[in-house]
Amino acid sequence: METIVAISTPPGRGGIGIVRLSGGLAKAIGEGLVRLAKPLEPGRARFGHVTDPATGETLDEVVVTFFAGPNSYTAEDVVEIAMHGSPVLLHYALERAIDAGARLAEPGEFTQRAFLSGRFDLTQAEAVRDLIDASTLHQARVAAQQMGGALSRSIAPVKDRLIGLIASLEAGVDFAEDDIDTMPSAEITERLNQIQLPLLQLEKSFGYGRLVHEGLRLAIVGRPNVGKSSLFNRLVKRDRAIVTATPGTTRDLVTERVSIEGIPVELIDTAGLRETTDEVETIGITKSREAMAEADLVLMVIDGTSQLHPEDRQTMALVANRPILIAANKLDLGAAEFILDPPFPLVRTSAVTGQGMAGLRSSILTIATGASSWQETALVTNLRQRQAITESLQSLQQADEAVAAALPHEVLLVDLYQALNALDRLTGATTADDILQLIFSSFCIGK
């Protein structure tokens, strides 16, 4: 396999930059690039100098680390050259490595080689990308768990049970003439249930796992002067939106990204919804309605000190088919009793004093995820993983129906093999090359 090379640190200037090589020529190319104080040894860092071949002058002092395959990230020989983070120096080393026989790595090619060598499965490879992309500590924790094989370990016993059931049924079919007992239908059904239950649990984790992976888009809507921008500022924890007593202050969308219990949330403060003849405010209200339509969750703010306004009910009717949370604001001024129809979830808040803000944050996540928290360490975090589990469950359900209909075991085995193939696609055991290319092309170059 060709030796590949890439700059593994982000573009731009920095204190340190790293040029990484992987492949059979990595060690030889690395030794040719750098004048070393001592020869490279596996697992040892060596001090050296990058020089200009024409003059012999030193261009940079570097540290070179050699990882001999298979005890490396890619399971091939890997050399990492840590230099000062000057783009000029990094590209100079990169070009010299290419001149010496290396090829510029494609996006994600180092991780793809690690996957192809069996260092980890596809769910772990995807977690590498998630860890790099993490914007909150919670995202990083979840990605680290996945990278450590949390999802793979949850799938492994399920596959073992499924393979065991297939083997038992195959034996009954292949050796029917030898009087091998046919497995009773009740036992098959019980074993199918044991296979399906953990998969159903993993499928349910997708709602929370997707939020951890992708984040949540939340639109704050309501009439003018009910405290939308004040609540927005409370959630952001700084004065990001302009707040005045004049109705219609917010005329455009104001967005900010925050973390709520480790979940990235894009907050959108919108223009107050009301009838108006002001052209600029009308445009803002149109944008507010668009934000409501695109949001994962709508936070509707109302004046909690008075009865519902007719415009409040009009807005509720607009978002009745979407996930919605009502914030009855101005709790510091009182709390009027009213009945919500339909009975949307409600939390009372005060943007002035901060009362109810903890409950508001908790309610946002509860509604968005369908649960206040998710305790499982194994999560389904992307659509590809969910589709594989869903397809496996569908095949297992078809197998259940085949048992109930007393169909021959040959028919049942077709469904079981389809379920197994879907789980194999989850971990990458049978994933097509074009799917692999699509997954790894989303990585950064150098990883």
Protein backbone atom coordinates (compact mmCIF):
# COMPACT_ATOMS: atom_id res chain seq x y z
CA MET A 1 0.00 0.00 0.00
CA GLU A 2 1.26 3.49 -0.85
CA THR A 3 2.85 5.67 1.80
CA ILE A 4 0.68 8.71 2.51
CA VAL A 5 1.53 12.08 4.04
CA ALA A 6 -0.45 15.05 5.31
CA ILE A 7 -0.27 18.03 7.62
CA SER A 8 -2.33 16.83 10.61
CA THR A 9 -2.74 20.16 12.38
CA PRO A 10 -5.30 22.82 11.37
CA PRO A 11 -4.42 25.36 8.65
CA GLY A 12 -2.82 28.58 9.85
CA ARG A 13 -0.02 29.53 12.19
CA GLY A 14 0.52 27.86 15.53
CA GLY A 15 3.12 26.98 18.08
CA ILE A 16 3.39 23.41 16.79
CA GLY A 17 2.53 21.78 13.48
CA ILE A 18 2.65 18.06 12.68
CA VAL A 19 3.43 16.29 9.41
CA ARG A 20 2.29 12.66 9.51
CA LEU A 21 3.37 9.76 7.30
CA SER A 22 1.94 6.24 7.15
CA GLY A 23 3.02 3.25 5.08
CA GLY A 24 5.98 1.06 4.26
CA LEU A 25 8.27 3.99 3.31
CA ALA A 26 7.30 6.20 6.27
CA LYS A 27 10.46 5.51 8.28
CA ALA A 28 12.83 5.89 5.33
CA ILE A 29 11.18 9.12 4.16
CA GLY A 30 11.16 10.52 7.69
CA GLU A 31 14.85 9.80 8.14
CA GLY A 32 15.55 11.47 4.78
CA LEU A 33 13.62 14.60 5.73
CA VAL A 34 15.26 15.16 9.09
CA ARG A 35 18.87 15.15 10.24
CA LEU A 36 18.52 13.08 13.41
CA ALA A 37 20.66 13.02 16.53
CA LYS A 38 19.88 9.29 16.95
CA PRO A 39 18.28 6.68 14.65
CA LEU A 40 14.52 6.26 14.85
CA GLU A 41 13.26 3.58 17.22
CA PRO A 42 9.64 2.45 17.79
CA GLY A 43 7.90 4.47 20.49
CA ARG A 44 10.82 6.90 20.88
CA ALA A 45 10.88 10.62 20.22
CA ARG A 46 14.04 11.85 18.50
CA PHE A 47 15.38 15.39 18.24
CA GLY A 48 16.49 16.55 14.81
CA HIS A 49 16.77 19.35 12.29
CA VAL A 50 15.02 20.04 9.02
CA THR A 51 17.64 21.41 6.64
CA ASP A 52 17.85 22.96 3.21
CA PRO A 53 19.41 20.25 0.98
CA ALA A 54 21.01 22.86 -1.28
CA THR A 55 22.92 24.68 1.47
CA GLY A 56 22.78 22.34 4.45
CA GLU A 57 21.44 25.20 6.60
CA THR A 58 19.05 24.38 9.43
CA LEU A 59 15.49 25.56 8.83
CA ASP A 60 13.84 24.22 11.99
CA GLU A 61 14.38 22.11 15.08
CA VAL A 62 11.91 19.24 15.22
CA VAL A 63 10.88 16.19 17.23
CA VAL A 64 10.24 12.97 15.29
CA THR A 65 8.28 10.03 16.70
CA PHE A 66 8.22 6.61 15.05
CA PHE A 67 5.42 4.08 15.60
CA ALA A 68 6.15 0.69 14.08
CA GLY A 69 3.21 -1.24 12.66
CA PRO A 70 1.04 -2.91 13.78
CA ASN A 71 1.39 -0.90 17.04
CA SER A 72 0.32 2.41 15.50
CA TYR A 73 -2.87 4.29 14.69
CA THR A 74 -3.09 2.87 11.16
CA ALA A 75 -1.41 -0.48 12.02
CA GLU A 76 1.28 0.55 9.50
CA ASP A 77 4.61 2.26 10.13
CA VAL A 78 3.79 5.84 11.15
CA VAL A 79 6.15 8.80 11.51
CA GLU A 80 5.06 12.10 13.02
CA ILE A 81 7.28 15.18 12.65
CA ALA A 82 6.47 17.93 15.17
CA MET A 83 7.72 21.28 13.85
CA HIS A 84 7.12 24.93 14.60
CA GLY A 85 3.72 25.76 13.16
CA SER A 86 4.81 27.96 10.27
CA PRO A 87 2.76 27.12 7.14
CA VAL A 88 5.87 27.69 5.03
CA LEU A 89 7.89 25.09 6.96
CA LEU A 90 5.04 22.58 7.11
CA HIS A 91 4.41 22.75 3.36
CA TYR A 92 8.15 22.54 2.70
CA ALA A 93 8.33 19.26 4.67
CA LEU A 94 5.17 18.02 2.95
CA GLU A 95 6.55 18.69 -0.53
CA ARG A 96 9.86 17.00 0.30
CA ALA A 97 8.00 13.92 1.55
CA ILE A 98 6.00 13.78 -1.70
CA ASP A 99 9.21 14.16 -3.73
CA ALA A 100 10.64 11.21 -1.74
CA GLY A 101 7.80 8.91 -2.77
CA ALA A 102 4.84 9.62 -0.51
CA ARG A 103 1.38 10.55 -1.75
CA LEU A 104 -0.82 13.31 -0.34
CA ALA A 105 -3.43 11.67 1.88
CA GLU A 106 -7.13 11.92 1.09
CA PRO A 107 -9.53 13.23 3.79
CA GLY A 108 -9.84 10.60 6.53
CA GLU A 109 -7.40 8.22 4.87
CA PHE A 110 -5.34 7.58 8.01
CA THR A 111 -8.51 6.56 9.90
CA GLN A 112 -9.75 4.56 6.91
CA ARG A 113 -6.53 2.56 6.92
CA ALA A 114 -6.97 1.97 10.65
CA PHE A 115 -10.48 0.65 9.97
CA LEU A 116 -9.38 -1.54 7.05
CA SER A 117 -6.57 -2.99 9.15
CA GLY A 118 -9.08 -4.01 11.86
CA ARG A 119 -7.83 -1.58 14.49
CA PHE A 120 -11.46 -0.62 15.12
CA ASP A 121 -14.87 -0.95 13.51
CA LEU A 122 -16.93 1.60 11.60
CA THR A 123 -18.83 2.93 14.62
CA GLN A 124 -15.50 3.65 16.32
CA ALA A 125 -14.15 5.30 13.17
CA GLU A 126 -17.19 7.58 13.05
CA ALA A 127 -16.56 8.43 16.70
CA VAL A 128 -13.08 9.69 15.78
CA ARG A 129 -14.70 12.30 13.54
CA ASP A 130 -17.26 13.13 16.24
CA LEU A 131 -14.48 13.66 18.78
CA ILE A 132 -12.66 16.05 16.45
CA ASP A 133 -15.90 17.94 15.75
CA ALA A 134 -17.00 18.10 19.43
CA SER A 135 -17.95 21.60 20.58
CA THR A 136 -18.93 20.66 24.16
CA LEU A 137 -17.26 18.50 26.79
CA HIS A 138 -20.30 16.21 26.87
CA GLN A 139 -20.02 15.63 23.12
CA ALA A 140 -16.36 14.75 23.63
CA ARG A 141 -17.23 12.30 26.43
CA VAL A 142 -19.85 10.53 24.31
CA ALA A 143 -17.49 10.39 21.32
CA ALA A 144 -14.72 8.97 23.52
CA GLN A 145 -17.08 6.26 24.80
CA GLN A 146 -18.06 5.38 21.24
CA MET A 147 -14.43 5.41 20.15
CA GLY A 148 -13.70 3.00 22.99
CA GLY A 149 -16.27 0.60 21.53
CA ALA A 150 -19.38 1.28 23.66
CA LEU A 151 -21.79 0.77 20.75
CA SER A 152 -19.79 -2.15 19.38
CA ARG A 153 -19.86 -3.90 22.77
CA SER A 154 -23.64 -3.47 22.92
CA ILE A 155 -24.06 -5.02 19.48
CA ALA A 156 -21.63 -7.93 19.96
CA PRO A 157 -23.81 -10.09 22.29
CA VAL A 158 -26.84 -9.44 20.08
CA LYS A 159 -24.96 -10.71 17.05
CA ASP A 160 -23.74 -13.73 19.03
CA ARG A 161 -27.32 -14.65 19.97
CA LEU A 162 -28.49 -14.14 16.39
CA ILE A 163 -25.66 -16.25 14.97
CA GLY A 164 -26.40 -18.94 17.56
CA LEU A 165 -30.06 -19.05 16.53
CA ILE A 166 -29.12 -19.21 12.85
CA ALA A 167 -26.67 -22.05 13.52
CA SER A 168 -29.28 -24.05 15.44
CA LEU A 169 -31.89 -23.63 12.71
CA GLU A 170 -29.39 -24.41 9.96
CA ALA A 171 -28.45 -27.63 11.74
CA GLY A 172 -32.10 -28.65 11.89
CA VAL A 173 -32.51 -27.96 8.17
CA ASP A 174 -29.25 -29.55 6.99
CA PHE A 175 -29.47 -32.68 9.10
CA ALA A 176 -33.21 -33.30 9.14
CA GLU A 177 -32.65 -36.84 7.89
CA ASP A 178 -30.43 -37.56 10.91
CA ASP A 179 -33.31 -37.04 13.37
CA ILE A 180 -31.91 -33.82 14.82
CA ASP A 181 -34.71 -32.21 16.82
CA THR A 182 -36.40 -29.19 15.25
CA MET A 183 -36.41 -26.18 17.58
CA PRO A 184 -39.92 -25.57 18.99
CA SER A 185 -41.67 -22.37 17.87
CA ALA A 186 -41.98 -21.11 21.45
CA GLU A 187 -38.20 -21.35 21.93
CA ILE A 188 -37.54 -19.55 18.64
CA THR A 189 -39.90 -16.74 19.66
CA GLU A 190 -38.23 -16.40 23.05
CA ARG A 191 -34.77 -16.23 21.48
CA LEU A 192 -35.97 -13.66 18.96
CA ASN A 193 -37.29 -11.52 21.84
CA GLN A 194 -33.90 -11.67 23.56
CA ILE A 195 -32.29 -10.43 20.35
CA GLN A 196 -34.80 -7.65 19.71
CA LEU A 197 -34.97 -6.08 23.19
CA PRO A 198 -31.44 -4.57 23.27
CA LEU A 199 -31.82 -3.40 19.67
CA LEU A 200 -35.07 -1.63 20.53
CA GLN A 201 -33.29 0.10 23.42
CA LEU A 202 -30.51 1.25 21.09
CA GLU A 203 -33.03 2.48 18.54
CA LYS A 204 -34.69 4.59 21.26
CA SER A 205 -31.34 6.19 22.06
CA PHE A 206 -31.20 7.82 18.63
CA GLY A 207 -33.27 10.85 19.70
CA TYR A 208 -30.77 11.75 22.41
CA GLY A 209 -27.74 10.58 20.44
CA ARG A 210 -28.70 12.73 17.45
CA LEU A 211 -29.01 15.77 19.71
CA VAL A 212 -25.59 15.11 21.21
CA HIS A 213 -24.14 14.74 17.72
CA GLU A 214 -25.97 17.47 15.80
CA GLY A 215 -27.35 19.80 18.48
CA LEU A 216 -30.76 21.44 18.80
CA ARG A 217 -32.28 24.41 16.97
CA LEU A 218 -34.63 26.35 19.27
CA ALA A 219 -36.76 29.32 18.18
CA ILE A 220 -38.00 31.74 20.85
CA VAL A 221 -41.31 33.25 19.73
CA GLY A 222 -44.18 35.27 21.16
CA ARG A 223 -45.83 38.68 21.20
CA PRO A 224 -43.77 41.87 21.63
CA ASN A 225 -42.66 42.75 25.18
CA VAL A 226 -43.36 39.38 26.81
CA GLY A 227 -39.64 38.96 27.57
CA LYS A 228 -38.35 36.86 24.62
CA SER A 229 -35.07 38.74 24.30
CA SER A 230 -34.60 38.87 28.08
CA LEU A 231 -35.00 35.08 28.30
CA PHE A 232 -32.67 34.73 25.32
CA ASN A 233 -30.04 36.77 27.17
CA ARG A 234 -30.55 34.66 30.31
CA LEU A 235 -29.98 31.46 28.36
CA VAL A 236 -26.93 32.96 26.63
CA LYS A 237 -25.74 34.38 29.99
CA ARG A 238 -24.92 37.78 28.52
CA ASP A 239 -26.69 40.76 26.96
CA ARG A 240 -26.69 39.50 23.40
CA ALA A 241 -30.12 40.79 22.29
CA ILE A 242 -31.31 44.39 22.71
CA VAL A 243 -34.00 44.75 25.39
CA THR A 244 -36.22 47.86 25.68
CA ALA A 245 -39.75 48.66 26.79
CA THR A 246 -40.63 49.68 23.23
CA PRO A 247 -42.62 46.98 21.39
CA GLY A 248 -41.01 45.69 18.21
CA THR A 249 -37.37 46.22 19.25
CA THR A 250 -36.27 42.89 17.74
CA ARG A 251 -36.78 43.13 13.99
CA ASP A 252 -34.40 40.47 12.74
CA LEU A 253 -33.31 37.03 13.90
CA VAL A 254 -30.61 37.02 16.59
CA THR A 255 -28.80 33.70 16.96
CA GLU A 256 -26.34 32.35 19.49
CA ARG A 257 -24.94 28.88 20.16
CA VAL A 258 -24.92 27.70 23.79
CA SER A 259 -24.51 24.43 25.67
CA ILE A 260 -27.37 23.12 27.80
CA GLU A 261 -26.22 20.16 29.88
CA GLY A 262 -23.64 19.39 27.20
CA ILE A 263 -26.09 19.59 24.27
CA PRO A 264 -25.24 22.27 21.67
CA VAL A 265 -28.29 24.51 21.25
CA GLU A 266 -28.68 27.18 18.60
CA LEU A 267 -30.95 29.80 20.13
CA ILE A 268 -32.92 32.06 17.79
CA ASP A 269 -34.51 35.22 19.17
CA THR A 270 -37.29 36.31 16.82
CA ALA A 271 -39.33 39.42 16.15
CA GLY A 272 -42.53 39.77 18.19
CA LEU A 273 -45.55 38.25 16.45
CA ARG A 274 -48.33 40.79 15.99
CA GLU A 275 -50.28 42.64 13.32
CA THR A 276 -48.28 45.63 12.08
CA THR A 277 -48.06 48.00 9.14
CA ASP A 278 -44.34 48.68 9.64
CA GLU A 279 -42.54 47.25 6.59
CA VAL A 280 -39.29 46.36 8.40
CA GLU A 281 -41.13 44.74 11.32
CA THR A 282 -43.31 42.79 8.88
CA ILE A 283 -40.18 41.32 7.27
CA GLY A 284 -38.91 40.37 10.74
CA ILE A 285 -42.20 38.64 11.56
CA THR A 286 -42.00 36.68 8.28
CA LYS A 287 -38.52 35.51 9.28
CA SER A 288 -39.88 34.56 12.71
CA ARG A 289 -42.47 32.29 11.11
CA GLU A 290 -39.76 30.68 8.97
CA ALA A 291 -37.61 30.09 12.06
CA MET A 292 -40.58 28.46 13.81
CA ALA A 293 -41.06 26.10 10.85
CA GLU A 294 -37.39 25.07 10.77
CA ALA A 295 -36.79 24.75 14.54
CA ASP A 296 -36.50 21.42 16.35
CA LEU A 297 -38.29 23.00 19.30
CA VAL A 298 -40.36 26.18 19.68
CA LEU A 299 -40.11 28.08 22.96
CA MET A 300 -43.20 30.29 23.10
CA VAL A 301 -42.99 33.08 25.65
CA ILE A 302 -46.20 34.55 27.09
CA ASP A 303 -46.95 37.14 29.77
CA GLY A 304 -47.57 34.96 32.82
CA THR A 305 -49.19 37.79 34.80
CA SER A 306 -52.35 37.97 32.68
CA GLN A 307 -54.79 35.82 30.77
CA LEU A 308 -53.83 34.50 27.35
CA HIS A 309 -53.99 37.08 24.60
CA PRO A 310 -55.85 36.16 21.37
CA GLU A 311 -52.53 36.52 19.48
CA ASP A 312 -51.02 33.94 21.85
CA ARG A 313 -53.72 31.45 20.85
CA GLN A 314 -53.13 32.22 17.18
CA THR A 315 -49.42 31.44 17.57
CA MET A 316 -50.19 28.22 19.48
CA ALA A 317 -52.43 27.15 16.61
CA LEU A 318 -49.57 27.76 14.17
CA VAL A 319 -47.14 25.50 16.07
CA ALA A 320 -49.63 22.95 17.42
CA ASN A 321 -48.08 20.16 15.34
CA ARG A 322 -44.51 20.88 16.44
CA PRO A 323 -42.60 20.26 19.68
CA ILE A 324 -43.43 23.29 21.82
CA LEU A 325 -42.70 24.55 25.32
CA ILE A 326 -44.55 27.49 26.89
CA ALA A 327 -42.60 29.88 29.12
CA ALA A 328 -44.99 31.96 31.25
CA ASN A 329 -42.62 34.84 31.93
CA LYS A 330 -42.61 37.74 34.45
CA LEU A 331 -43.00 35.46 37.48
CA ASP A 332 -41.48 38.24 39.60
CA LEU A 333 -44.64 40.30 38.91
CA GLY A 334 -47.16 37.55 39.65
CA ALA A 335 -48.61 34.37 38.19
CA ALA A 336 -52.07 34.36 36.62
CA GLU A 337 -53.98 31.10 36.36
CA PHE A 338 -55.05 30.05 32.88
CA ILE A 339 -55.82 26.87 30.96
CA LEU A 340 -53.80 25.86 27.93
CA ASP A 341 -55.76 24.17 25.16
CA PRO A 342 -54.15 22.00 23.92
CA PRO A 343 -52.28 21.34 27.20
CA PHE A 344 -48.74 22.26 26.12
CA PRO A 345 -45.94 21.78 28.66
CA LEU A 346 -45.42 24.98 30.65
CA VAL A 347 -42.72 26.40 32.88
CA ARG A 348 -42.93 29.69 34.79
CA THR A 349 -39.92 31.97 34.55
CA SER A 350 -38.63 35.42 35.40
CA ALA A 351 -36.06 36.81 33.01
CA VAL A 352 -35.43 39.60 35.55
CA THR A 353 -34.61 37.47 38.62
CA GLY A 354 -33.64 34.20 36.93
CA GLN A 355 -36.43 32.23 38.63
CA GLY A 356 -37.36 29.08 36.76
CA MET A 357 -34.33 29.14 34.43
CA ALA A 358 -33.02 25.78 35.65
CA GLY A 359 -36.45 24.26 35.08
CA LEU A 360 -36.60 25.87 31.64
CA ARG A 361 -33.28 24.34 30.59
CA SER A 362 -34.33 20.94 31.93
CA SER A 363 -37.69 21.14 30.15
CA ILE A 364 -36.04 22.03 26.86
CA LEU A 365 -33.98 18.84 26.95
CA THR A 366 -36.84 16.72 28.26
CA ILE A 367 -39.09 17.69 25.36
CA ALA A 368 -36.32 17.52 22.77
CA THR A 369 -35.13 14.05 23.79
CA GLY A 370 -38.34 12.52 25.13
CA ALA A 371 -36.64 11.91 28.48
CA SER A 372 -34.95 14.04 31.13
CA SER A 373 -31.71 12.10 30.74
CA TRP A 374 -30.19 9.09 29.02
CA GLN A 375 -28.14 6.83 31.21
CA GLU A 376 -26.88 4.35 28.61
CA THR A 377 -23.26 4.74 27.56
CA ALA A 378 -23.94 3.25 24.09
CA LEU A 379 -25.80 5.69 21.86
CA VAL A 380 -26.89 5.65 18.24
CA THR A 381 -25.66 9.05 17.08
CA ASN A 382 -26.25 9.20 13.31
CA LEU A 383 -28.82 8.22 10.73
CA ARG A 384 -26.65 5.50 9.15
CA GLN A 385 -26.43 3.66 12.45
CA ARG A 386 -30.14 4.04 13.11
CA GLN A 387 -31.10 2.76 9.66
CA ALA A 388 -28.99 -0.37 10.17
CA ILE A 389 -30.63 -1.12 13.52
CA THR A 390 -34.12 -0.37 12.17
CA GLU A 391 -33.60 -2.68 9.19
CA SER A 392 -32.37 -5.43 11.50
CA LEU A 393 -35.44 -5.02 13.73
CA GLN A 394 -37.75 -5.13 10.71
CA SER A 395 -36.20 -8.40 9.55
CA LEU A 396 -36.50 -9.84 13.06
CA GLN A 397 -40.17 -8.82 13.15
CA GLN A 398 -40.68 -10.61 9.84
CA ALA A 399 -39.02 -13.66 11.39
CA ASP A 400 -41.49 -13.44 14.28
CA GLU A 401 -44.36 -13.42 11.80
CA ALA A 402 -42.88 -16.40 9.96
CA VAL A 403 -42.80 -18.38 13.22
CA ALA A 404 -46.38 -17.41 14.02
CA ALA A 405 -47.46 -18.53 10.53
CA ALA A 406 -45.64 -21.87 10.98
CA LEU A 407 -43.59 -21.28 7.83
CA PRO A 408 -40.63 -23.58 7.08
CA HIS A 409 -37.38 -22.74 8.81
CA GLU A 410 -35.75 -22.07 5.43
CA VAL A 411 -38.04 -19.04 5.10
CA LEU A 412 -37.28 -17.93 8.65
CA LEU A 413 -33.55 -18.14 7.99
CA VAL A 414 -33.80 -15.66 5.11
CA ASP A 415 -35.12 -13.03 7.53
CA LEU A 416 -32.49 -13.85 10.14
CA TYR A 417 -29.66 -13.51 7.64
CA GLN A 418 -31.06 -10.12 6.57
CA ALA A 419 -31.07 -9.03 10.21
CA LEU A 420 -27.46 -10.17 10.60
CA ASN A 421 -26.37 -8.37 7.41
CA ALA A 422 -27.89 -5.12 8.72
CA LEU A 423 -25.89 -5.42 11.96
CA ASP A 424 -22.76 -6.16 9.94
CA ARG A 425 -23.31 -2.92 8.02
CA LEU A 426 -23.57 -1.10 11.33
CA THR A 427 -20.07 -2.09 12.39
CA GLY A 428 -18.66 -2.10 8.86
CA ALA A 429 -18.16 -5.85 8.44
CA THR A 430 -20.02 -5.84 5.09
CA THR A 431 -20.19 -2.14 4.20
CA ALA A 432 -19.84 -1.30 0.48
CA ASP A 433 -16.79 0.65 -0.69
CA ASP A 434 -18.86 3.63 -1.85
CA ILE A 435 -20.40 3.97 1.61
CA LEU A 436 -16.95 3.87 3.20
CA GLN A 437 -15.75 6.55 0.80
CA LEU A 438 -18.70 8.75 1.69
CA ILE A 439 -18.08 8.35 5.44
CA PHE A 440 -14.34 8.98 5.43
CA SER A 441 -14.50 11.87 2.95
CA SER A 442 -16.20 13.89 5.69
CA PHE A 443 -13.04 13.69 7.86
CA CYS A 444 -10.37 16.36 7.84
CA ILE A 445 -7.15 15.77 5.92
CA GLY A 446 -4.45 14.35 8.17
CA LYS A 447 -6.86 12.22 10.21
